[in-house]
Amino acid sequence: MSFTITPKAEKFMRMMIMADGGPGAGFRLSVSPGGCSGLAAEIAVTAEPLPGDKVVPHGSVKLFLPAESRILLEGVTIDFAETPTSTGLVFQDPKQKSCSSHAG
């Protein structure tokens, strides 16, 4: 399993765990196919992994990843973006063609 988490994304995850979790809490990242990046994600801070989740330490963050997410995240870069319209994690999947926004 090989994916990248940028320092900005790791900081965001760490801050969420500090705000919403207790000792031993982790960042659960459940990814499914969909969205412009090719991936849609459900994220949550949880006290412990759910059955079937794999605990993956990444820097200062403990990730809880379901089986399907581990497959879908292969080769993906997880970044954090803050724009006027949205704030959150951004998935850059080199296997997925991005949405085009051509007018008319």
N, C-alpha and C. Protein backbone atom coordinates (compact mmCIF):
# COMPACT_ATOMS: atom_id res chain seq x y z
N MET A 1 0.86 -1.18 0.00
CA MET A 1 0.00 0.00 0.00
C MET A 1 0.89 1.23 0.00
N SER A 2 0.72 2.06 -1.00
CA SER A 2 1.59 3.22 -1.13
C SER A 2 0.76 4.44 -1.52
N PHE A 3 0.67 5.39 -0.60
CA PHE A 3 0.03 6.66 -0.90
C PHE A 3 0.77 7.75 -0.14
N THR A 4 0.52 8.99 -0.51
CA THR A 4 1.24 10.12 0.08
C THR A 4 0.26 11.03 0.80
N ILE A 5 0.65 11.50 1.96
CA ILE A 5 -0.12 12.52 2.67
C ILE A 5 0.80 13.74 2.80
N THR A 6 0.34 14.86 2.28
CA THR A 6 1.17 16.07 2.35
C THR A 6 1.22 16.57 3.79
N PRO A 7 2.24 17.38 4.12
CA PRO A 7 2.31 17.94 5.48
C PRO A 7 1.06 18.74 5.87
N LYS A 8 0.46 19.47 4.91
CA LYS A 8 -0.76 20.24 5.22
C LYS A 8 -1.91 19.30 5.57
N ALA A 9 -2.05 18.18 4.84
CA ALA A 9 -3.13 17.23 5.12
C ALA A 9 -2.89 16.54 6.46
N GLU A 10 -1.65 16.20 6.75
CA GLU A 10 -1.33 15.56 8.03
C GLU A 10 -1.64 16.50 9.19
N LYS A 11 -1.32 17.78 9.02
CA LYS A 11 -1.61 18.76 10.08
C LYS A 11 -3.12 18.86 10.30
N PHE A 12 -3.90 18.89 9.21
CA PHE A 12 -5.37 18.95 9.31
C PHE A 12 -5.90 17.73 10.07
N MET A 13 -5.41 16.54 9.72
CA MET A 13 -5.85 15.31 10.40
C MET A 13 -5.48 15.35 11.88
N ARG A 14 -4.26 15.77 12.17
CA ARG A 14 -3.80 15.83 13.55
C ARG A 14 -4.65 16.81 14.37
N MET A 15 -4.98 17.97 13.79
CA MET A 15 -5.81 18.96 14.48
C MET A 15 -7.21 18.41 14.73
N MET A 16 -7.76 17.68 13.77
CA MET A 16 -9.09 17.09 13.96
C MET A 16 -9.07 16.06 15.09
N ILE A 17 -8.02 15.24 15.14
CA ILE A 17 -7.92 14.24 16.21
C ILE A 17 -7.78 14.93 17.56
N MET A 18 -6.98 15.99 17.62
CA MET A 18 -6.81 16.71 18.88
C MET A 18 -8.12 17.34 19.34
N ALA A 19 -8.92 17.83 18.39
CA ALA A 19 -10.17 18.51 18.72
C ALA A 19 -11.28 17.52 19.09
N ASP A 20 -11.34 16.39 18.38
CA ASP A 20 -12.49 15.49 18.51
C ASP A 20 -12.20 14.14 19.14
N GLY A 21 -10.94 13.81 19.36
CA GLY A 21 -10.61 12.47 19.81
C GLY A 21 -9.94 12.46 21.17
N GLY A 22 -9.89 11.29 21.75
CA GLY A 22 -9.20 11.12 23.01
C GLY A 22 -7.92 10.33 22.79
N PRO A 23 -7.33 9.83 23.87
CA PRO A 23 -6.12 9.01 23.72
C PRO A 23 -6.42 7.79 22.87
N GLY A 24 -5.56 7.52 21.93
CA GLY A 24 -5.73 6.34 21.08
C GLY A 24 -6.63 6.57 19.89
N ALA A 25 -7.23 7.75 19.79
CA ALA A 25 -8.12 8.03 18.66
C ALA A 25 -7.32 8.09 17.36
N GLY A 26 -8.03 7.87 16.26
CA GLY A 26 -7.40 7.92 14.96
C GLY A 26 -8.31 8.58 13.95
N PHE A 27 -7.79 8.73 12.76
CA PHE A 27 -8.50 9.38 11.67
C PHE A 27 -8.97 8.29 10.72
N ARG A 28 -10.30 8.08 10.65
CA ARG A 28 -10.84 7.03 9.78
C ARG A 28 -11.11 7.64 8.40
N LEU A 29 -10.55 7.02 7.40
CA LEU A 29 -10.64 7.50 6.04
C LEU A 29 -11.27 6.40 5.19
N SER A 30 -12.55 6.57 4.89
CA SER A 30 -13.28 5.59 4.09
C SER A 30 -13.47 6.17 2.70
N VAL A 31 -12.85 5.56 1.71
CA VAL A 31 -12.84 6.08 0.35
C VAL A 31 -13.65 5.17 -0.55
N SER A 32 -14.41 5.78 -1.46
CA SER A 32 -15.17 5.01 -2.45
C SER A 32 -15.02 5.67 -3.81
N PRO A 33 -15.27 4.93 -4.90
CA PRO A 33 -15.16 5.53 -6.23
C PRO A 33 -16.19 6.65 -6.40
N GLY A 34 -15.79 7.73 -7.08
CA GLY A 34 -16.71 8.82 -7.36
C GLY A 34 -16.05 10.16 -7.26
N GLY A 35 -16.77 11.20 -7.67
CA GLY A 35 -16.24 12.56 -7.59
C GLY A 35 -15.29 12.87 -8.72
N CYS A 36 -14.92 14.13 -8.85
CA CYS A 36 -14.03 14.57 -9.94
C CYS A 36 -12.65 13.94 -9.83
N SER A 37 -12.18 13.73 -8.61
CA SER A 37 -10.85 13.17 -8.44
C SER A 37 -10.86 11.66 -8.63
N GLY A 38 -12.07 11.09 -8.79
CA GLY A 38 -12.18 9.65 -8.90
C GLY A 38 -12.47 9.01 -7.56
N LEU A 39 -12.40 9.80 -6.49
CA LEU A 39 -12.61 9.27 -5.15
C LEU A 39 -13.54 10.19 -4.36
N ALA A 40 -14.41 9.56 -3.59
CA ALA A 40 -15.24 10.29 -2.63
C ALA A 40 -14.87 9.75 -1.26
N ALA A 41 -14.75 10.62 -0.27
CA ALA A 41 -14.27 10.17 1.03
C ALA A 41 -15.24 10.54 2.14
N GLU A 42 -15.34 9.63 3.08
CA GLU A 42 -16.01 9.92 4.34
C GLU A 42 -14.92 9.90 5.40
N ILE A 43 -14.80 11.01 6.12
CA ILE A 43 -13.75 11.09 7.13
C ILE A 43 -14.38 11.27 8.51
N ALA A 44 -13.72 10.72 9.51
CA ALA A 44 -14.22 10.85 10.88
C ALA A 44 -13.09 10.57 11.85
N VAL A 45 -13.16 11.20 13.00
CA VAL A 45 -12.26 10.87 14.09
C VAL A 45 -12.98 9.83 14.94
N THR A 46 -12.34 8.68 15.15
CA THR A 46 -12.96 7.63 15.93
C THR A 46 -12.01 7.17 17.04
N ALA A 47 -12.61 6.69 18.12
CA ALA A 47 -11.83 6.27 19.29
C ALA A 47 -11.01 5.03 18.99
N GLU A 48 -11.53 4.17 18.12
CA GLU A 48 -10.83 2.95 17.77
C GLU A 48 -11.25 2.51 16.38
N PRO A 49 -10.44 1.67 15.73
CA PRO A 49 -10.81 1.22 14.38
C PRO A 49 -12.06 0.35 14.42
N LEU A 50 -12.81 0.38 13.33
CA LEU A 50 -13.96 -0.50 13.19
C LEU A 50 -13.48 -1.88 12.77
N PRO A 51 -14.31 -2.91 12.95
CA PRO A 51 -13.89 -4.25 12.50
C PRO A 51 -13.52 -4.22 11.01
N GLY A 52 -12.39 -4.79 10.68
CA GLY A 52 -11.92 -4.81 9.30
C GLY A 52 -10.99 -3.67 8.94
N ASP A 53 -10.93 -2.62 9.77
CA ASP A 53 -10.03 -1.51 9.50
C ASP A 53 -8.59 -1.92 9.81
N LYS A 54 -7.67 -1.40 9.03
CA LYS A 54 -6.26 -1.59 9.31
C LYS A 54 -5.73 -0.29 9.91
N VAL A 55 -4.96 -0.39 10.97
CA VAL A 55 -4.35 0.79 11.58
C VAL A 55 -3.03 1.06 10.86
N VAL A 56 -2.94 2.25 10.26
CA VAL A 56 -1.76 2.62 9.49
C VAL A 56 -1.18 3.90 10.08
N PRO A 57 -0.05 3.80 10.80
CA PRO A 57 0.56 5.02 11.31
C PRO A 57 1.19 5.81 10.18
N HIS A 58 0.98 7.11 10.18
CA HIS A 58 1.58 7.96 9.16
C HIS A 58 2.04 9.25 9.83
N GLY A 59 3.32 9.36 10.07
CA GLY A 59 3.85 10.51 10.78
C GLY A 59 3.24 10.57 12.17
N SER A 60 2.61 11.69 12.49
CA SER A 60 2.02 11.87 13.81
C SER A 60 0.55 11.47 13.85
N VAL A 61 0.05 10.87 12.77
CA VAL A 61 -1.37 10.54 12.66
C VAL A 61 -1.55 9.03 12.56
N LYS A 62 -2.56 8.53 13.26
CA LYS A 62 -2.93 7.12 13.16
C LYS A 62 -4.16 7.04 12.27
N LEU A 63 -4.02 6.38 11.10
CA LEU A 63 -5.13 6.24 10.16
C LEU A 63 -5.82 4.91 10.37
N PHE A 64 -7.15 4.91 10.28
CA PHE A 64 -7.95 3.68 10.28
C PHE A 64 -8.51 3.55 8.87
N LEU A 65 -8.08 2.51 8.15
CA LEU A 65 -8.45 2.36 6.75
C LEU A 65 -9.21 1.06 6.50
N PRO A 66 -10.45 1.13 5.99
CA PRO A 66 -11.16 -0.07 5.58
C PRO A 66 -10.46 -0.71 4.37
N ALA A 67 -10.76 -1.98 4.11
CA ALA A 67 -10.08 -2.72 3.04
C ALA A 67 -10.22 -2.04 1.69
N GLU A 68 -11.43 -1.62 1.30
CA GLU A 68 -11.62 -1.00 -0.01
C GLU A 68 -10.80 0.29 -0.12
N SER A 69 -10.72 1.05 0.97
CA SER A 69 -9.94 2.30 0.94
C SER A 69 -8.47 2.03 0.69
N ARG A 70 -7.95 0.96 1.29
CA ARG A 70 -6.53 0.64 1.11
C ARG A 70 -6.23 0.37 -0.35
N ILE A 71 -7.15 -0.26 -1.06
CA ILE A 71 -6.96 -0.55 -2.49
C ILE A 71 -7.08 0.74 -3.30
N LEU A 72 -8.11 1.54 -3.03
CA LEU A 72 -8.37 2.74 -3.82
C LEU A 72 -7.32 3.84 -3.61
N LEU A 73 -6.67 3.86 -2.46
CA LEU A 73 -5.68 4.90 -2.18
C LEU A 73 -4.31 4.63 -2.81
N GLU A 74 -4.13 3.47 -3.42
CA GLU A 74 -2.84 3.13 -4.03
C GLU A 74 -2.43 4.21 -5.02
N GLY A 75 -1.26 4.83 -4.78
CA GLY A 75 -0.71 5.83 -5.69
C GLY A 75 -1.29 7.23 -5.53
N VAL A 76 -2.24 7.42 -4.62
CA VAL A 76 -2.94 8.69 -4.45
C VAL A 76 -2.15 9.63 -3.54
N THR A 77 -2.23 10.93 -3.81
CA THR A 77 -1.69 11.94 -2.92
C THR A 77 -2.87 12.62 -2.23
N ILE A 78 -2.82 12.66 -0.90
CA ILE A 78 -3.86 13.32 -0.12
C ILE A 78 -3.31 14.66 0.32
N ASP A 79 -4.00 15.72 -0.08
CA ASP A 79 -3.56 17.08 0.25
C ASP A 79 -4.69 17.79 0.98
N PHE A 80 -4.41 18.97 1.50
CA PHE A 80 -5.41 19.80 2.16
C PHE A 80 -5.50 21.09 1.38
N ALA A 81 -6.72 21.51 1.07
CA ALA A 81 -6.92 22.75 0.32
C ALA A 81 -7.93 23.64 1.03
N GLU A 82 -7.65 24.92 0.99
CA GLU A 82 -8.57 25.90 1.57
C GLU A 82 -8.86 26.93 0.49
N THR A 83 -10.10 26.93 0.00
CA THR A 83 -10.52 27.86 -1.04
C THR A 83 -11.74 28.62 -0.54
N PRO A 84 -12.15 29.66 -1.26
CA PRO A 84 -13.35 30.38 -0.83
C PRO A 84 -14.60 29.51 -0.76
N THR A 85 -14.64 28.44 -1.55
CA THR A 85 -15.85 27.60 -1.59
C THR A 85 -15.76 26.32 -0.78
N SER A 86 -14.55 25.88 -0.45
CA SER A 86 -14.45 24.63 0.32
C SER A 86 -13.13 24.55 1.07
N THR A 87 -13.17 23.78 2.12
CA THR A 87 -11.97 23.53 2.91
C THR A 87 -11.97 22.04 3.24
N GLY A 88 -10.86 21.38 2.99
CA GLY A 88 -10.81 19.96 3.33
C GLY A 88 -9.76 19.21 2.55
N LEU A 89 -9.86 17.90 2.66
CA LEU A 89 -8.89 17.03 2.01
C LEU A 89 -9.18 16.94 0.52
N VAL A 90 -8.11 16.89 -0.26
CA VAL A 90 -8.20 16.77 -1.71
C VAL A 90 -7.41 15.53 -2.11
N PHE A 91 -8.01 14.72 -2.97
CA PHE A 91 -7.37 13.47 -3.41
C PHE A 91 -6.90 13.64 -4.84
N GLN A 92 -5.60 13.44 -5.05
CA GLN A 92 -5.02 13.54 -6.38
C GLN A 92 -4.63 12.13 -6.81
N ASP A 93 -5.46 11.59 -7.71
CA ASP A 93 -5.26 10.22 -8.17
C ASP A 93 -4.74 10.24 -9.60
N PRO A 94 -3.49 9.85 -9.82
CA PRO A 94 -2.93 9.90 -11.18
C PRO A 94 -3.63 8.95 -12.15
N LYS A 95 -4.40 7.99 -11.62
CA LYS A 95 -5.10 7.05 -12.48
C LYS A 95 -6.42 7.62 -13.01
N GLN A 96 -6.86 8.75 -12.44
CA GLN A 96 -8.16 9.32 -12.77
C GLN A 96 -8.01 10.58 -13.60
N LYS A 97 -8.81 10.69 -14.65
CA LYS A 97 -8.84 11.93 -15.42
C LYS A 97 -9.75 12.91 -14.68
N SER A 98 -9.32 14.17 -14.57
CA SER A 98 -10.10 15.14 -13.81
C SER A 98 -11.32 15.58 -14.62
N CYS A 99 -12.29 16.13 -13.92
CA CYS A 99 -13.48 16.66 -14.58
C CYS A 99 -13.09 17.87 -15.40
N SER A 100 -13.71 18.02 -16.54
CA SER A 100 -13.44 19.22 -17.32
C SER A 100 -14.60 20.19 -17.11
N SER A 101 -14.30 21.45 -17.16
CA SER A 101 -15.33 22.46 -16.93
C SER A 101 -15.44 23.36 -18.16
N HIS A 102 -15.70 22.73 -19.31
CA HIS A 102 -15.85 23.49 -20.55
C HIS A 102 -17.26 24.05 -20.63
N ALA A 103 -17.37 25.32 -20.95
CA ALA A 103 -18.69 25.93 -21.08
C ALA A 103 -19.20 25.71 -22.50
N GLY A 104 -20.47 25.35 -22.59
CA GLY A 104 -21.22 25.24 -23.82
C GLY A 104 -20.62 24.46 -24.87
